[in-house]
């Protein structure tokens, strides 16, 4: 079971992300994509899975100005 300080830390983190406009979304990733994401992190191209996924989504949906979404 998680300790109280850990739970509070996660709640603060999620609250700060929501306040800046981020959204938490849970999705299922096909096995081959998951492996490719893991490989991109392991090779050092990205620091985290989140960074890989954000990059892919921005590449697909964001215009040159990162704040303008199509």
C-alpha atoms as a PDB file:
ATOM      1  CA  UNK A   1       0.000   0.000   0.000  1.00  0.00           C
ATOM      2  CA  UNK A   2       1.260   3.490  -0.881  1.00  0.00           C
ATOM      3  CA  UNK A   3       2.261   5.793   1.935  1.00  0.00           C
ATOM      4  CA  UNK A   4       0.340   9.020   2.644  1.00  0.00           C
ATOM      5  CA  UNK A   5       3.193  11.307   1.539  1.00  0.00           C
ATOM      6  CA  UNK A   6       3.435   9.491  -1.784  1.00  0.00           C
ATOM      7  CA  UNK A   7      -0.293   9.763  -2.360  1.00  0.00           C
ATOM      8  CA  UNK A   8      -0.242  13.489  -1.561  1.00  0.00           C
ATOM      9  CA  UNK A   9       2.718  14.034  -3.902  1.00  0.00           C
ATOM     10  CA  UNK A  10       0.899  12.329  -6.785  1.00  0.00           C
ATOM     11  CA  UNK A  11      -2.277  14.325  -6.086  1.00  0.00           C
ATOM     12  CA  UNK A  12      -0.314  17.608  -6.139  1.00  0.00           C
ATOM     13  CA  UNK A  13       1.427  16.582  -9.354  1.00  0.00           C
ATOM     14  CA  UNK A  14      -1.869  15.725 -11.074  1.00  0.00           C
ATOM     15  CA  UNK A  15      -3.507  18.919  -9.814  1.00  0.00           C
ATOM     16  CA  UNK A  16      -0.656  21.072 -11.156  1.00  0.00           C
ATOM     17  CA  UNK A  17      -0.842  19.335 -14.537  1.00  0.00           C
ATOM     18  CA  UNK A  18      -4.618  19.867 -14.727  1.00  0.00           C
ATOM     19  CA  UNK A  19      -4.190  23.531 -13.782  1.00  0.00           C
ATOM     20  CA  UNK A  20      -1.822  24.078 -16.695  1.00  0.00           C
ATOM     21  CA  UNK A  21      -4.327  22.479 -19.057  1.00  0.00           C
ATOM     22  CA  UNK A  22      -2.880  18.977 -19.408  1.00  0.00           C
ATOM     23  CA  UNK A  23      -5.191  15.968 -19.553  1.00  0.00           C
ATOM     24  CA  UNK A  24      -4.504  12.479 -18.306  1.00  0.00           C
ATOM     25  CA  UNK A  25      -5.602   9.804 -20.770  1.00  0.00           C
ATOM     26  CA  UNK A  26      -5.235   6.052 -20.536  1.00  0.00           C
ATOM     27  CA  UNK A  27      -4.993   4.180 -23.816  1.00  0.00           C
ATOM     28  CA  UNK A  28      -4.117   0.665 -24.877  1.00  0.00           C
ATOM     29  CA  UNK A  29      -1.063   0.509 -27.151  1.00  0.00           C
ATOM     30  CA  UNK A  30      -0.570  -2.420 -29.547  1.00  0.00           C
ATOM     31  CA  UNK A  31       2.410  -4.592 -28.636  1.00  0.00           C
ATOM     32  CA  UNK A  32       4.551  -3.581 -31.609  1.00  0.00           C
ATOM     33  CA  UNK A  33       4.050   0.127 -30.877  1.00  0.00           C
ATOM     34  CA  UNK A  34       4.827  -0.417 -27.209  1.00  0.00           C
ATOM     35  CA  UNK A  35       8.056  -2.164 -28.150  1.00  0.00           C
ATOM     36  CA  UNK A  36       8.995   0.677 -30.526  1.00  0.00           C
ATOM     37  CA  UNK A  37       8.289   3.242 -27.802  1.00  0.00           C
ATOM     38  CA  UNK A  38      10.421   1.310 -25.317  1.00  0.00           C
ATOM     39  CA  UNK A  39      13.219   1.023 -27.883  1.00  0.00           C
ATOM     40  CA  UNK A  40      13.171   4.795 -28.507  1.00  0.00           C
ATOM     41  CA  UNK A  41      13.599   5.382 -24.767  1.00  0.00           C
ATOM     42  CA  UNK A  42      16.253   2.686 -24.306  1.00  0.00           C
ATOM     43  CA  UNK A  43      18.286   4.048 -27.243  1.00  0.00           C
ATOM     44  CA  UNK A  44      18.384   7.456 -25.574  1.00  0.00           C
ATOM     45  CA  UNK A  45      16.419   9.231 -28.298  1.00  0.00           C
ATOM     46  CA  UNK A  46      13.791  10.204 -25.709  1.00  0.00           C
ATOM     47  CA  UNK A  47      13.937  10.458 -21.919  1.00  0.00           C
ATOM     48  CA  UNK A  48      10.589   8.778 -21.236  1.00  0.00           C
ATOM     49  CA  UNK A  49       7.624   7.034 -22.795  1.00  0.00           C
ATOM     50  CA  UNK A  50       5.571  10.155 -22.188  1.00  0.00           C
ATOM     51  CA  UNK A  51       8.057  12.190 -24.229  1.00  0.00           C
ATOM     52  CA  UNK A  52       7.862   9.705 -27.142  1.00  0.00           C
ATOM     53  CA  UNK A  53       4.076   9.693 -27.162  1.00  0.00           C
ATOM     54  CA  UNK A  54       3.818  13.482 -26.829  1.00  0.00           C
ATOM     55  CA  UNK A  55       6.266  13.914 -29.714  1.00  0.00           C
ATOM     56  CA  UNK A  56       4.246  11.544 -31.903  1.00  0.00           C
ATOM     57  CA  UNK A  57       0.961  13.302 -31.100  1.00  0.00           C
ATOM     58  CA  UNK A  58       2.438  16.750 -31.705  1.00  0.00           C
ATOM     59  CA  UNK A  59       3.883  15.580 -35.015  1.00  0.00           C
ATOM     60  CA  UNK A  60       0.475  14.329 -36.099  1.00  0.00           C
ATOM     61  CA  UNK A  61      -1.853  16.996 -34.717  1.00  0.00           C
ATOM     62  CA  UNK A  62      -0.005  20.218 -33.889  1.00  0.00           C
ATOM     63  CA  UNK A  63       0.940  22.922 -36.353  1.00  0.00           C
ATOM     64  CA  UNK A  64       4.354  24.598 -36.316  1.00  0.00           C
ATOM     65  CA  UNK A  65       3.194  26.731 -33.381  1.00  0.00           C
ATOM     66  CA  UNK A  66       2.987  24.130 -30.578  1.00  0.00           C
ATOM     67  CA  UNK A  67       0.071  26.014 -28.968  1.00  0.00           C
ATOM     68  CA  UNK A  68      -2.097  25.840 -32.083  1.00  0.00           C
ATOM     69  CA  UNK A  69      -3.822  22.498 -32.557  1.00  0.00           C
ATOM     70  CA  UNK A  70      -5.464  21.557 -35.835  1.00  0.00           C
END
